[in-house]
């Protein structure tokens, strides 16, 4: 997707405010135009419809996510440390911007639109691919167990991240997310690391 104009970026920021208060379902062009104090026809000069607005939000999330993933995969840290840093950083971003959790966990609203569904899936696939690459590095260096496929371990990590985010969101963002992340990563680390045999 091409770079957004300053006005489009302003519209995206206003969209975040609405999503935070009313969810993806509550994001309408009428509500958005009202919050920006412009007419809907004026809004359509920048985005054709709600789908294009949500798509722009997802593209922004994908770009930010890709930059973060690239930094971790190229790091010299041991595999489990990379995964922990990626896990903690991802959840830390959600803690600072709860609206991103709302967007991330709203896949049911994307199912009716192939364009949005494809973009949401691309974000998930990108994250899963990075986790898989780090796990492969870990297996080669005997830092990660090799008796379970990297794909299955990757899904386990992503599934845990999603469940933690859901529980946090359902609590009205009141649950201690840092504590949830710490406990869940401790369990994941035990599951991921190489099982040493004892004589």
Foldseek 3Di string as FASTA:
>chain_A
DDDADPVLVVLLVLQLVQCLVPNLVRDFLCVSCVVVVHDSVVVCVRPVGSVRSLLVVLVVVLVVLLVLLVVLLPDPDQLLVSLLVSLVVVLVVCLVRVSVLRSLPPLVVCPVPPSSNVSSVVSVVSQLVSQLSSLVSNVVVQFWADPDHSSVLSVVSVVLSNVLSVVCVVVVVPPPSVVSSVVSSVVSSVVTGYDDDDD
